[in-house]
């Protein structure tokens, strides 16, 4: 019996890192925005967007993905919902009425980067969950990547 309990405890400890890695972290969101920044600065907006659109998986990881807008907030790319491309993020309101899109544009315009908290549909669970997104203005676009608070 003791051996079985020990085996179960060890199995839980070994599974813990896998469970923790199931969802993205804030650090990974920042890193993904920085990866997009590197591409944008190296290739320029048009070539970078073409590369992102040609291979969107390079900017999608589990529940983490990027959104790219122009300075006015019009989505140029959305890693989970192509139906949002062409729509203005400034019109985005969460289920609680928070105008998170306007807040994102405000942060990008004033400080250049920062975090915004709101509610959004998680692509993995399909549930509306609390989310925090890192927003960064890069030249004449805004890149956003967020993580769900679980």
N, C-alpha and C. Protein backbone atom coordinates (compact mmCIF):
# COMPACT_ATOMS: atom_id res chain seq x y z
N UNK A 1 0.83 -1.19 0.00
CA UNK A 1 0.00 0.00 0.00
C UNK A 1 0.87 1.25 0.00
N UNK A 2 1.92 1.23 0.82
CA UNK A 2 2.82 2.38 0.89
C UNK A 2 3.45 2.69 -0.47
N UNK A 3 3.82 1.65 -1.18
CA UNK A 3 4.41 1.82 -2.51
C UNK A 3 3.44 2.45 -3.49
N UNK A 4 2.16 2.08 -3.37
CA UNK A 4 1.14 2.64 -4.25
C UNK A 4 0.93 4.12 -3.97
N UNK A 5 0.91 4.51 -2.70
CA UNK A 5 0.75 5.91 -2.32
C UNK A 5 1.94 6.72 -2.81
N UNK A 6 3.14 6.18 -2.60
CA UNK A 6 4.35 6.86 -3.05
C UNK A 6 4.34 7.03 -4.57
N UNK A 7 3.92 5.99 -5.27
CA UNK A 7 3.83 6.08 -6.73
C UNK A 7 2.85 7.18 -7.15
N UNK A 8 1.71 7.25 -6.49
CA UNK A 8 0.70 8.26 -6.82
C UNK A 8 1.23 9.67 -6.56
N UNK A 9 1.92 9.88 -5.46
CA UNK A 9 2.48 11.19 -5.13
C UNK A 9 3.54 11.58 -6.16
N UNK A 10 4.41 10.66 -6.51
CA UNK A 10 5.43 10.94 -7.52
C UNK A 10 4.81 11.24 -8.87
N UNK A 11 3.76 10.53 -9.22
CA UNK A 11 3.09 10.77 -10.49
C UNK A 11 2.50 12.18 -10.54
N UNK A 12 1.95 12.64 -9.42
CA UNK A 12 1.41 14.00 -9.37
C UNK A 12 2.50 15.04 -9.54
N UNK A 13 3.63 14.84 -8.89
CA UNK A 13 4.73 15.79 -9.02
C UNK A 13 5.28 15.83 -10.44
N UNK A 14 5.32 14.69 -11.08
CA UNK A 14 5.82 14.66 -12.46
C UNK A 14 4.83 15.30 -13.41
N UNK A 15 3.54 15.21 -13.13
CA UNK A 15 2.52 15.79 -14.00
C UNK A 15 2.39 17.30 -13.81
N UNK A 16 2.79 17.82 -12.66
CA UNK A 16 2.60 19.24 -12.36
C UNK A 16 3.19 20.17 -13.41
N UNK A 17 4.43 19.98 -13.86
CA UNK A 17 4.97 20.88 -14.88
C UNK A 17 4.18 20.82 -16.19
N UNK A 18 3.68 19.65 -16.55
CA UNK A 18 2.90 19.52 -17.77
C UNK A 18 1.60 20.31 -17.63
N UNK A 19 0.95 20.21 -16.48
CA UNK A 19 -0.30 20.94 -16.26
C UNK A 19 -0.04 22.44 -16.27
N UNK A 20 1.03 22.88 -15.65
CA UNK A 20 1.34 24.30 -15.61
C UNK A 20 1.64 24.85 -17.00
N UNK A 21 2.17 24.02 -17.88
CA UNK A 21 2.53 24.48 -19.22
C UNK A 21 1.36 24.41 -20.19
N UNK A 22 0.20 23.97 -19.72
CA UNK A 22 -0.97 23.83 -20.59
C UNK A 22 -1.45 25.19 -21.10
N UNK A 23 -1.25 26.23 -20.29
CA UNK A 23 -1.70 27.57 -20.63
C UNK A 23 -0.53 28.55 -20.65
N UNK A 24 -0.66 29.57 -21.46
CA UNK A 24 0.40 30.57 -21.61
C UNK A 24 0.49 31.47 -20.37
N UNK A 25 1.67 32.08 -20.22
CA UNK A 25 1.93 32.99 -19.10
C UNK A 25 2.08 34.42 -19.62
N UNK A 26 2.06 35.35 -18.70
CA UNK A 26 2.25 36.76 -19.07
C UNK A 26 3.61 36.96 -19.74
N UNK A 27 4.62 36.27 -19.24
CA UNK A 27 5.96 36.38 -19.82
C UNK A 27 5.97 35.89 -21.27
N UNK A 28 5.21 34.84 -21.54
CA UNK A 28 5.13 34.32 -22.90
C UNK A 28 4.36 35.29 -23.82
N UNK A 29 3.38 35.98 -23.26
CA UNK A 29 2.64 36.98 -24.04
C UNK A 29 3.57 38.12 -24.45
N UNK A 30 4.37 38.60 -23.51
CA UNK A 30 5.33 39.66 -23.81
C UNK A 30 6.34 39.17 -24.85
N UNK A 31 6.82 37.94 -24.69
CA UNK A 31 7.79 37.38 -25.63
C UNK A 31 7.20 37.27 -27.03
N UNK A 32 5.91 36.92 -27.14
CA UNK A 32 5.29 36.80 -28.45
C UNK A 32 5.16 38.17 -29.11
N UNK A 33 4.80 39.18 -28.33
CA UNK A 33 4.74 40.54 -28.87
C UNK A 33 6.13 40.98 -29.33
N UNK A 34 7.14 40.67 -28.54
CA UNK A 34 8.52 41.03 -28.91
C UNK A 34 8.97 40.28 -30.17
N UNK A 35 8.52 39.04 -30.34
CA UNK A 35 8.83 38.28 -31.55
C UNK A 35 8.22 38.98 -32.77
N UNK A 36 6.97 39.43 -32.62
CA UNK A 36 6.33 40.17 -33.71
C UNK A 36 7.04 41.49 -33.96
N UNK A 37 7.48 42.14 -32.89
CA UNK A 37 8.22 43.40 -33.02
C UNK A 37 9.50 43.20 -33.83
N UNK A 38 10.22 42.15 -33.55
CA UNK A 38 11.46 41.85 -34.28
C UNK A 38 11.17 41.68 -35.77
N UNK A 39 10.12 40.94 -36.08
CA UNK A 39 9.75 40.73 -37.48
C UNK A 39 9.33 42.03 -38.14
N UNK A 40 8.51 42.82 -37.45
CA UNK A 40 8.05 44.10 -38.00
C UNK A 40 9.22 45.05 -38.28
N UNK A 41 10.16 45.12 -37.35
CA UNK A 41 11.29 46.02 -37.53
C UNK A 41 12.25 45.54 -38.61
N UNK A 42 12.38 44.23 -38.75
CA UNK A 42 13.28 43.67 -39.75
C UNK A 42 12.69 43.74 -41.16
N UNK A 43 11.41 43.38 -41.29
CA UNK A 43 10.79 43.25 -42.61
C UNK A 43 9.92 44.44 -43.03
N UNK A 44 9.53 45.27 -42.08
CA UNK A 44 8.56 46.33 -42.38
C UNK A 44 7.15 45.78 -42.26
N UNK A 45 6.21 46.68 -42.13
CA UNK A 45 4.82 46.28 -41.86
C UNK A 45 4.25 45.33 -42.91
N UNK A 46 4.34 45.70 -44.18
CA UNK A 46 3.68 44.92 -45.23
C UNK A 46 4.24 43.50 -45.34
N UNK A 47 5.56 43.38 -45.36
CA UNK A 47 6.18 42.05 -45.46
C UNK A 47 5.94 41.23 -44.19
N UNK A 48 6.01 41.89 -43.05
CA UNK A 48 5.78 41.19 -41.78
C UNK A 48 4.35 40.67 -41.69
N UNK A 49 3.39 41.50 -42.03
CA UNK A 49 1.99 41.06 -42.00
C UNK A 49 1.75 39.92 -42.99
N UNK A 50 2.36 40.01 -44.16
CA UNK A 50 2.23 38.92 -45.14
C UNK A 50 2.80 37.62 -44.57
N UNK A 51 3.94 37.71 -43.88
CA UNK A 51 4.55 36.51 -43.28
C UNK A 51 3.68 35.95 -42.16
N UNK A 52 3.12 36.84 -41.35
CA UNK A 52 2.25 36.40 -40.25
C UNK A 52 1.00 35.74 -40.81
N UNK A 53 0.40 36.33 -41.82
CA UNK A 53 -0.81 35.77 -42.41
C UNK A 53 -0.53 34.46 -43.14
N UNK A 54 0.64 34.34 -43.74
CA UNK A 54 1.00 33.12 -44.46
C UNK A 54 1.23 31.95 -43.51
N UNK A 55 1.71 32.24 -42.31
CA UNK A 55 2.00 31.19 -41.32
C UNK A 55 1.57 31.67 -39.94
N UNK A 56 0.25 31.75 -39.69
CA UNK A 56 -0.22 32.28 -38.41
C UNK A 56 0.17 31.44 -37.19
N UNK A 57 0.51 30.18 -37.41
CA UNK A 57 0.89 29.32 -36.27
C UNK A 57 2.17 29.80 -35.58
N UNK A 58 2.99 30.58 -36.29
CA UNK A 58 4.21 31.09 -35.67
C UNK A 58 3.89 32.10 -34.57
N UNK A 59 2.65 32.62 -34.57
CA UNK A 59 2.22 33.57 -33.55
C UNK A 59 0.98 33.07 -32.81
N UNK A 60 0.88 31.74 -32.69
CA UNK A 60 -0.19 31.09 -31.94
C UNK A 60 0.44 29.96 -31.13
N UNK A 61 0.13 29.93 -29.83
CA UNK A 61 0.67 28.90 -28.96
C UNK A 61 -0.35 28.61 -27.86
N UNK A 62 -0.96 27.44 -27.92
CA UNK A 62 -2.01 27.05 -26.96
C UNK A 62 -3.13 28.08 -26.96
N UNK A 63 -3.32 28.79 -25.85
CA UNK A 63 -4.37 29.81 -25.76
C UNK A 63 -3.82 31.21 -26.03
N UNK A 64 -2.59 31.29 -26.49
CA UNK A 64 -1.92 32.57 -26.73
C UNK A 64 -1.83 32.83 -28.24
N UNK A 65 -2.16 34.05 -28.63
CA UNK A 65 -2.08 34.46 -30.04
C UNK A 65 -1.96 35.98 -30.08
N UNK A 66 -1.54 36.49 -31.23
CA UNK A 66 -1.45 37.94 -31.35
C UNK A 66 -2.61 38.49 -32.17
N UNK A 67 -2.84 39.77 -31.93
CA UNK A 67 -3.71 40.59 -32.76
C UNK A 67 -2.88 41.79 -33.17
N UNK A 68 -2.99 42.19 -34.43
CA UNK A 68 -2.27 43.36 -34.93
C UNK A 68 -3.31 44.33 -35.47
N UNK A 69 -3.21 45.60 -35.03
CA UNK A 69 -4.11 46.63 -35.54
C UNK A 69 -3.29 47.78 -36.11
N UNK A 70 -3.94 48.62 -36.90
CA UNK A 70 -3.28 49.85 -37.30
C UNK A 70 -3.43 50.86 -36.16
N UNK A 71 -2.90 52.05 -36.32
CA UNK A 71 -2.94 53.04 -35.24
C UNK A 71 -4.36 53.47 -34.88
N UNK A 72 -5.27 53.36 -35.84
CA UNK A 72 -6.66 53.72 -35.59
C UNK A 72 -7.43 52.59 -34.90
N UNK A 73 -6.81 51.41 -34.82
CA UNK A 73 -7.45 50.28 -34.15
C UNK A 73 -8.08 49.25 -35.07
N UNK A 74 -7.97 49.44 -36.38
CA UNK A 74 -8.53 48.46 -37.31
C UNK A 74 -7.65 47.22 -37.31
N UNK A 75 -8.26 46.07 -37.07
CA UNK A 75 -7.51 44.82 -37.00
C UNK A 75 -6.98 44.43 -38.38
N UNK A 76 -5.69 44.19 -38.42
CA UNK A 76 -5.01 43.74 -39.63
C UNK A 76 -4.80 42.23 -39.59
N UNK A 77 -4.76 41.69 -38.36
CA UNK A 77 -4.57 40.25 -38.14
C UNK A 77 -5.16 39.89 -36.79
N UNK A 78 -5.81 38.74 -36.72
CA UNK A 78 -6.30 38.21 -35.44
C UNK A 78 -6.00 36.72 -35.44
N UNK A 79 -5.24 36.26 -34.48
CA UNK A 79 -4.76 34.88 -34.44
C UNK A 79 -5.80 33.82 -34.17
N UNK A 80 -7.01 34.19 -33.77
CA UNK A 80 -8.03 33.19 -33.48
C UNK A 80 -9.34 33.38 -34.24
N UNK A 81 -9.57 34.58 -34.77
CA UNK A 81 -10.87 34.83 -35.38
C UNK A 81 -10.71 35.77 -36.58
N UNK A 82 -10.60 35.21 -37.77
CA UNK A 82 -10.39 36.02 -38.96
C UNK A 82 -11.59 36.94 -39.24
N UNK A 83 -12.75 36.63 -38.69
CA UNK A 83 -13.93 37.48 -38.88
C UNK A 83 -13.75 38.86 -38.24
N UNK A 84 -12.78 38.98 -37.31
CA UNK A 84 -12.54 40.26 -36.66
C UNK A 84 -11.60 41.16 -37.47
N UNK A 85 -10.91 40.60 -38.46
CA UNK A 85 -10.02 41.39 -39.30
C UNK A 85 -10.85 42.43 -40.05
N UNK A 86 -10.37 43.67 -40.04
CA UNK A 86 -11.08 44.77 -40.68
C UNK A 86 -12.01 45.52 -39.74
N UNK A 87 -12.26 44.94 -38.57
CA UNK A 87 -13.11 45.60 -37.58
C UNK A 87 -12.25 46.35 -36.58
N UNK A 88 -12.79 47.42 -36.04
CA UNK A 88 -12.02 48.27 -35.13
C UNK A 88 -12.07 47.75 -33.71
N UNK A 89 -10.90 47.56 -33.14
CA UNK A 89 -10.81 47.08 -31.77
C UNK A 89 -11.38 48.10 -30.77
N UNK A 90 -11.40 49.37 -31.18
CA UNK A 90 -11.94 50.41 -30.32
C UNK A 90 -13.41 50.22 -30.00
N UNK A 91 -14.10 49.42 -30.80
CA UNK A 91 -15.51 49.12 -30.57
C UNK A 91 -15.71 47.93 -29.64
N UNK A 92 -14.64 47.28 -29.20
CA UNK A 92 -14.74 46.05 -28.41
C UNK A 92 -15.12 46.34 -26.96
N UNK A 93 -16.17 45.65 -26.53
CA UNK A 93 -16.68 45.77 -25.17
C UNK A 93 -16.85 44.36 -24.62
N UNK A 94 -16.42 44.13 -23.37
CA UNK A 94 -16.58 42.78 -22.81
C UNK A 94 -17.99 42.59 -22.25
N UNK A 95 -18.26 41.40 -21.69
CA UNK A 95 -19.60 41.06 -21.20
C UNK A 95 -20.04 41.94 -20.03
N UNK A 96 -19.10 42.60 -19.38
CA UNK A 96 -19.42 43.49 -18.26
C UNK A 96 -19.54 44.95 -18.70
N UNK A 97 -19.41 45.19 -20.01
CA UNK A 97 -19.53 46.54 -20.53
C UNK A 97 -18.23 47.33 -20.54
N UNK A 98 -17.12 46.70 -20.18
CA UNK A 98 -15.83 47.39 -20.20
C UNK A 98 -15.39 47.61 -21.64
N UNK A 99 -15.04 48.84 -21.96
CA UNK A 99 -14.56 49.18 -23.30
C UNK A 99 -13.06 48.93 -23.38
N UNK A 100 -12.70 47.66 -23.42
CA UNK A 100 -11.28 47.29 -23.36
C UNK A 100 -10.53 47.69 -24.62
N UNK A 101 -11.21 47.73 -25.76
CA UNK A 101 -10.55 48.13 -26.99
C UNK A 101 -10.09 49.58 -26.95
N UNK A 102 -10.94 50.45 -26.44
CA UNK A 102 -10.55 51.86 -26.29
C UNK A 102 -9.39 52.00 -25.32
N UNK A 103 -9.40 51.18 -24.26
CA UNK A 103 -8.30 51.23 -23.29
C UNK A 103 -6.99 50.78 -23.94
N UNK A 104 -7.05 49.77 -24.79
CA UNK A 104 -5.85 49.32 -25.51
C UNK A 104 -5.29 50.43 -26.40
N UNK A 105 -6.17 51.07 -27.14
CA UNK A 105 -5.73 52.15 -28.02
C UNK A 105 -5.18 53.32 -27.22
N UNK A 106 -5.78 53.61 -26.09
CA UNK A 106 -5.32 54.69 -25.22
C UNK A 106 -3.92 54.40 -24.69
N UNK A 107 -3.70 53.18 -24.23
CA UNK A 107 -2.38 52.79 -23.72
C UNK A 107 -1.33 52.88 -24.83
N UNK A 108 -1.66 52.35 -26.00
CA UNK A 108 -0.71 52.38 -27.11
C UNK A 108 -0.37 53.82 -27.50
N UNK A 109 -1.37 54.69 -27.48
CA UNK A 109 -1.16 56.07 -27.89
C UNK A 109 -0.43 56.91 -26.86
N UNK A 110 -0.65 56.64 -25.59
CA UNK A 110 -0.07 57.48 -24.54
C UNK A 110 1.27 56.96 -24.03
N UNK A 111 1.31 55.71 -23.59
CA UNK A 111 2.55 55.21 -22.98
C UNK A 111 3.31 54.26 -23.90
N UNK A 112 2.67 53.81 -24.95
CA UNK A 112 3.36 52.92 -25.88
C UNK A 112 3.18 51.45 -25.59
N UNK A 113 3.02 51.09 -24.30
CA UNK A 113 2.79 49.69 -23.95
C UNK A 113 2.19 49.60 -22.55
N UNK A 114 1.54 48.48 -22.31
CA UNK A 114 0.95 48.24 -21.00
C UNK A 114 -0.02 47.07 -21.05
N UNK A 115 -0.69 46.84 -19.92
CA UNK A 115 -1.60 45.71 -19.75
C UNK A 115 -3.04 46.19 -19.63
N UNK A 116 -3.97 45.40 -20.18
CA UNK A 116 -5.40 45.68 -20.08
C UNK A 116 -6.11 44.41 -19.61
N UNK A 117 -6.96 44.56 -18.58
CA UNK A 117 -7.75 43.44 -18.06
C UNK A 117 -9.18 43.53 -18.57
N UNK A 118 -9.75 42.39 -18.94
CA UNK A 118 -11.13 42.33 -19.45
C UNK A 118 -11.58 40.88 -19.49
N UNK A 119 -12.80 40.64 -19.92
CA UNK A 119 -13.34 39.29 -20.07
C UNK A 119 -13.37 38.96 -21.56
N UNK A 120 -12.99 37.69 -21.90
CA UNK A 120 -12.95 37.31 -23.30
C UNK A 120 -13.11 35.80 -23.42
N UNK A 121 -13.58 35.34 -24.58
CA UNK A 121 -13.79 33.91 -24.81
C UNK A 121 -12.46 33.19 -25.01
N UNK A 122 -12.21 32.20 -24.18
CA UNK A 122 -11.01 31.39 -24.24
C UNK A 122 -11.13 30.38 -25.39
N UNK A 123 -10.15 30.34 -26.30
CA UNK A 123 -10.25 29.42 -27.44
C UNK A 123 -10.15 27.94 -27.05
N UNK A 124 -9.64 27.65 -25.86
CA UNK A 124 -9.51 26.25 -25.43
C UNK A 124 -10.79 25.76 -24.77
N UNK A 125 -11.26 26.48 -23.75
CA UNK A 125 -12.45 26.04 -23.00
C UNK A 125 -13.75 26.52 -23.62
N UNK A 126 -13.66 27.54 -24.50
CA UNK A 126 -14.83 28.20 -25.10
C UNK A 126 -15.68 28.92 -24.05
N UNK A 127 -15.10 29.19 -22.89
CA UNK A 127 -15.79 29.93 -21.83
C UNK A 127 -15.26 31.36 -21.79
N UNK A 128 -16.10 32.28 -21.35
CA UNK A 128 -15.66 33.65 -21.15
C UNK A 128 -14.91 33.70 -19.82
N UNK A 129 -13.65 34.12 -19.87
CA UNK A 129 -12.77 34.13 -18.70
C UNK A 129 -12.10 35.50 -18.56
N UNK A 130 -11.61 35.79 -17.36
CA UNK A 130 -10.80 37.01 -17.21
C UNK A 130 -9.53 36.87 -18.05
N UNK A 131 -9.17 37.94 -18.71
CA UNK A 131 -7.99 37.95 -19.58
C UNK A 131 -7.21 39.22 -19.33
N UNK A 132 -5.91 39.14 -19.46
CA UNK A 132 -5.06 40.32 -19.42
C UNK A 132 -4.19 40.30 -20.67
N UNK A 133 -4.13 41.43 -21.36
CA UNK A 133 -3.39 41.50 -22.61
C UNK A 133 -2.30 42.56 -22.56
N UNK A 134 -1.17 42.20 -23.13
CA UNK A 134 -0.05 43.12 -23.28
C UNK A 134 -0.22 43.82 -24.62
N UNK A 135 -0.19 45.12 -24.58
CA UNK A 135 -0.40 45.97 -25.75
C UNK A 135 0.88 46.75 -26.00
N UNK A 136 1.36 46.76 -27.24
CA UNK A 136 2.57 47.52 -27.55
C UNK A 136 2.47 48.15 -28.93
N UNK A 137 2.72 49.44 -28.98
CA UNK A 137 2.78 50.14 -30.26
C UNK A 137 4.17 49.95 -30.84
N UNK A 138 4.21 49.49 -32.07
CA UNK A 138 5.46 49.23 -32.78
C UNK A 138 5.37 49.96 -34.12
N UNK A 139 6.13 51.03 -34.24
CA UNK A 139 6.05 51.89 -35.43
C UNK A 139 4.61 52.34 -35.63
N UNK A 140 3.97 51.95 -36.73
CA UNK A 140 2.61 52.41 -36.98
C UNK A 140 1.55 51.32 -36.81
N UNK A 141 1.88 50.27 -36.04
CA UNK A 141 0.90 49.23 -35.71
C UNK A 141 0.90 48.99 -34.20
N UNK A 142 -0.14 48.31 -33.75
CA UNK A 142 -0.26 47.92 -32.35
C UNK A 142 -0.35 46.40 -32.32
N UNK A 143 0.48 45.76 -31.49
CA UNK A 143 0.48 44.31 -31.37
C UNK A 143 0.00 43.97 -29.97
N UNK A 144 -0.89 42.99 -29.89
CA UNK A 144 -1.53 42.62 -28.63
C UNK A 144 -1.43 41.11 -28.48
N UNK A 145 -1.10 40.65 -27.28
CA UNK A 145 -1.14 39.23 -26.94
C UNK A 145 -1.59 39.12 -25.49
N UNK A 146 -2.52 38.21 -25.23
CA UNK A 146 -3.06 38.12 -23.88
C UNK A 146 -3.12 36.71 -23.34
N UNK A 147 -3.25 36.64 -22.03
CA UNK A 147 -3.36 35.37 -21.35
C UNK A 147 -4.63 35.37 -20.49
N UNK A 148 -5.17 34.19 -20.34
CA UNK A 148 -6.37 34.01 -19.54
C UNK A 148 -5.98 33.75 -18.10
N UNK A 149 -6.71 34.38 -17.20
CA UNK A 149 -6.44 34.19 -15.78
C UNK A 149 -7.24 32.98 -15.31
N UNK A 150 -6.53 31.96 -14.90
CA UNK A 150 -7.19 30.71 -14.48
C UNK A 150 -6.96 30.46 -13.02
